[in-house]
Amino acid sequence: MKIGMKQIIESKRMLYGISRAELAAAMQMCERTLGIRLAQPDTFTLKELRVLAKKLHITVAELIGETQCA
């Protein structure tokens, strides 16, 4: 069963103790916009995916579910 991007983001965010506010700030967006992106992950831009991956200590491929996360 494939894990969705939202679940990957939320699990890594919790693992590293990153708040939604902190994640939104790192992505230079408000928390509401982050919530919208999480509800519709296909709306993330490549730049946003790169920032997310770096902040969550994973690759973009892992983030979008193309490879297994550790």
N, C-alpha and C. Protein backbone atom coordinates (compact mmCIF):
# COMPACT_ATOMS: atom_id res chain seq x y z
N MET A 1 0.84 -1.19 0.00
CA MET A 1 0.00 0.00 0.00
C MET A 1 0.88 1.24 0.00
N LYS A 2 0.61 2.15 -0.90
CA LYS A 2 1.40 3.37 -1.03
C LYS A 2 0.95 4.41 0.00
N ILE A 3 1.92 5.00 0.67
CA ILE A 3 1.64 6.05 1.65
C ILE A 3 1.56 7.38 0.91
N GLY A 4 0.56 8.18 1.24
CA GLY A 4 0.37 9.46 0.59
C GLY A 4 1.36 10.52 1.08
N MET A 5 1.55 11.54 0.26
CA MET A 5 2.49 12.60 0.59
C MET A 5 2.10 13.31 1.88
N LYS A 6 0.82 13.52 2.10
CA LYS A 6 0.39 14.20 3.33
C LYS A 6 0.82 13.40 4.55
N GLN A 7 0.65 12.09 4.50
CA GLN A 7 1.05 11.24 5.63
C GLN A 7 2.56 11.26 5.84
N ILE A 8 3.31 11.28 4.75
CA ILE A 8 4.77 11.34 4.85
C ILE A 8 5.18 12.66 5.50
N ILE A 9 4.62 13.76 5.04
CA ILE A 9 4.95 15.08 5.59
C ILE A 9 4.60 15.14 7.08
N GLU A 10 3.40 14.72 7.43
CA GLU A 10 2.98 14.79 8.83
C GLU A 10 3.82 13.89 9.73
N SER A 11 4.15 12.70 9.28
CA SER A 11 4.94 11.79 10.12
C SER A 11 6.35 12.32 10.33
N LYS A 12 6.97 12.83 9.27
CA LYS A 12 8.33 13.39 9.40
C LYS A 12 8.31 14.67 10.23
N ARG A 13 7.28 15.47 10.05
CA ARG A 13 7.15 16.72 10.82
C ARG A 13 7.07 16.40 12.31
N MET A 14 6.28 15.41 12.65
CA MET A 14 6.14 15.02 14.05
C MET A 14 7.42 14.38 14.57
N LEU A 15 8.05 13.56 13.75
CA LEU A 15 9.30 12.90 14.14
C LEU A 15 10.37 13.92 14.55
N TYR A 16 10.47 15.00 13.79
CA TYR A 16 11.49 16.01 14.06
C TYR A 16 10.99 17.17 14.92
N GLY A 17 9.75 17.10 15.38
CA GLY A 17 9.21 18.14 16.25
C GLY A 17 9.06 19.49 15.57
N ILE A 18 8.68 19.45 14.30
CA ILE A 18 8.52 20.69 13.53
C ILE A 18 7.04 21.06 13.54
N SER A 19 6.73 22.26 13.98
CA SER A 19 5.34 22.71 14.00
C SER A 19 4.90 23.08 12.59
N ARG A 20 3.60 23.15 12.39
CA ARG A 20 3.08 23.59 11.09
C ARG A 20 3.52 25.03 10.81
N ALA A 21 3.53 25.84 11.87
CA ALA A 21 3.95 27.24 11.71
C ALA A 21 5.40 27.31 11.26
N GLU A 22 6.27 26.49 11.85
CA GLU A 22 7.68 26.48 11.47
C GLU A 22 7.86 26.00 10.04
N LEU A 23 7.11 24.98 9.67
CA LEU A 23 7.19 24.45 8.31
C LEU A 23 6.71 25.48 7.30
N ALA A 24 5.60 26.13 7.61
CA ALA A 24 5.07 27.18 6.73
C ALA A 24 6.07 28.32 6.57
N ALA A 25 6.69 28.72 7.67
CA ALA A 25 7.67 29.81 7.62
C ALA A 25 8.86 29.43 6.75
N ALA A 26 9.33 28.19 6.87
CA ALA A 26 10.45 27.72 6.05
C ALA A 26 10.10 27.75 4.56
N MET A 27 8.82 27.55 4.28
CA MET A 27 8.35 27.53 2.89
C MET A 27 7.90 28.91 2.41
N GLN A 28 8.01 29.91 3.28
CA GLN A 28 7.63 31.28 2.99
C GLN A 28 6.16 31.38 2.57
N MET A 29 5.30 30.73 3.37
CA MET A 29 3.87 30.81 3.14
C MET A 29 3.16 30.81 4.49
N CYS A 30 1.91 31.20 4.49
CA CYS A 30 1.15 31.19 5.74
C CYS A 30 0.66 29.76 6.02
N GLU A 31 0.27 29.53 7.26
CA GLU A 31 -0.19 28.20 7.65
C GLU A 31 -1.42 27.77 6.86
N ARG A 32 -2.28 28.71 6.54
CA ARG A 32 -3.48 28.38 5.76
C ARG A 32 -3.10 27.85 4.39
N THR A 33 -2.14 28.49 3.73
CA THR A 33 -1.69 28.02 2.42
C THR A 33 -1.08 26.63 2.53
N LEU A 34 -0.30 26.41 3.59
CA LEU A 34 0.28 25.08 3.81
C LEU A 34 -0.84 24.05 3.97
N GLY A 35 -1.88 24.39 4.71
CA GLY A 35 -3.01 23.48 4.90
C GLY A 35 -3.69 23.14 3.57
N ILE A 36 -3.82 24.14 2.72
CA ILE A 36 -4.42 23.92 1.40
C ILE A 36 -3.53 22.99 0.57
N ARG A 37 -2.22 23.23 0.61
CA ARG A 37 -1.28 22.37 -0.13
C ARG A 37 -1.33 20.93 0.39
N LEU A 38 -1.42 20.77 1.72
CA LEU A 38 -1.48 19.43 2.29
C LEU A 38 -2.77 18.71 1.89
N ALA A 39 -3.85 19.46 1.77
CA ALA A 39 -5.12 18.86 1.35
C ALA A 39 -5.10 18.46 -0.12
N GLN A 40 -4.29 19.18 -0.90
CA GLN A 40 -4.15 18.90 -2.34
C GLN A 40 -2.66 18.89 -2.68
N PRO A 41 -1.95 17.83 -2.32
CA PRO A 41 -0.48 17.80 -2.47
C PRO A 41 0.02 18.00 -3.90
N ASP A 42 -0.81 17.74 -4.89
CA ASP A 42 -0.37 17.94 -6.27
C ASP A 42 -0.22 19.41 -6.62
N THR A 43 -0.62 20.31 -5.72
CA THR A 43 -0.47 21.75 -5.97
C THR A 43 0.87 22.30 -5.48
N PHE A 44 1.68 21.49 -4.78
CA PHE A 44 3.01 21.95 -4.37
C PHE A 44 3.86 22.23 -5.61
N THR A 45 4.63 23.31 -5.56
CA THR A 45 5.57 23.59 -6.64
C THR A 45 6.86 22.79 -6.39
N LEU A 46 7.69 22.68 -7.41
CA LEU A 46 8.95 21.97 -7.25
C LEU A 46 9.82 22.65 -6.19
N LYS A 47 9.84 23.98 -6.19
CA LYS A 47 10.60 24.72 -5.18
C LYS A 47 10.10 24.38 -3.78
N GLU A 48 8.79 24.34 -3.60
CA GLU A 48 8.21 24.01 -2.30
C GLU A 48 8.56 22.58 -1.89
N LEU A 49 8.53 21.66 -2.84
CA LEU A 49 8.90 20.27 -2.55
C LEU A 49 10.36 20.17 -2.10
N ARG A 50 11.23 20.93 -2.73
CA ARG A 50 12.65 20.92 -2.35
C ARG A 50 12.84 21.45 -0.94
N VAL A 51 12.14 22.53 -0.59
CA VAL A 51 12.23 23.10 0.76
C VAL A 51 11.69 22.10 1.78
N LEU A 52 10.55 21.50 1.47
CA LEU A 52 9.95 20.51 2.36
C LEU A 52 10.90 19.34 2.60
N ALA A 53 11.45 18.81 1.52
CA ALA A 53 12.35 17.66 1.63
C ALA A 53 13.56 18.00 2.51
N LYS A 54 14.14 19.17 2.29
CA LYS A 54 15.30 19.57 3.08
C LYS A 54 14.93 19.70 4.56
N LYS A 55 13.81 20.35 4.83
CA LYS A 55 13.37 20.57 6.21
C LYS A 55 13.03 19.25 6.91
N LEU A 56 12.53 18.27 6.15
CA LEU A 56 12.11 17.00 6.72
C LEU A 56 13.19 15.92 6.63
N HIS A 57 14.38 16.31 6.14
CA HIS A 57 15.53 15.40 6.07
C HIS A 57 15.28 14.17 5.20
N ILE A 58 14.61 14.38 4.07
CA ILE A 58 14.37 13.30 3.12
C ILE A 58 14.59 13.84 1.71
N THR A 59 14.58 12.96 0.73
CA THR A 59 14.72 13.40 -0.67
C THR A 59 13.34 13.74 -1.22
N VAL A 60 13.32 14.46 -2.33
CA VAL A 60 12.06 14.77 -2.99
C VAL A 60 11.38 13.46 -3.43
N ALA A 61 12.17 12.50 -3.90
CA ALA A 61 11.61 11.21 -4.32
C ALA A 61 10.91 10.52 -3.15
N GLU A 62 11.52 10.55 -1.98
CA GLU A 62 10.89 9.95 -0.80
C GLU A 62 9.62 10.72 -0.43
N LEU A 63 9.69 12.03 -0.55
CA LEU A 63 8.56 12.88 -0.21
C LEU A 63 7.33 12.57 -1.07
N ILE A 64 7.55 12.35 -2.35
CA ILE A 64 6.41 12.09 -3.24
C ILE A 64 6.06 10.60 -3.33
N GLY A 65 6.76 9.80 -2.52
CA GLY A 65 6.41 8.39 -2.43
C GLY A 65 7.00 7.50 -3.50
N GLU A 66 8.07 7.96 -4.15
CA GLU A 66 8.71 7.16 -5.19
C GLU A 66 9.68 6.14 -4.64
N THR A 67 10.17 6.35 -3.43
CA THR A 67 11.07 5.41 -2.77
C THR A 67 10.63 5.24 -1.33
N GLN A 68 11.19 4.27 -0.66
CA GLN A 68 10.84 4.01 0.73
C GLN A 68 11.56 4.98 1.65
N CYS A 69 10.85 5.53 2.63
CA CYS A 69 11.44 6.36 3.67
C CYS A 69 11.95 5.46 4.78
N ALA A 70 13.00 5.90 5.44
CA ALA A 70 13.55 5.13 6.57
C ALA A 70 12.79 5.45 7.83
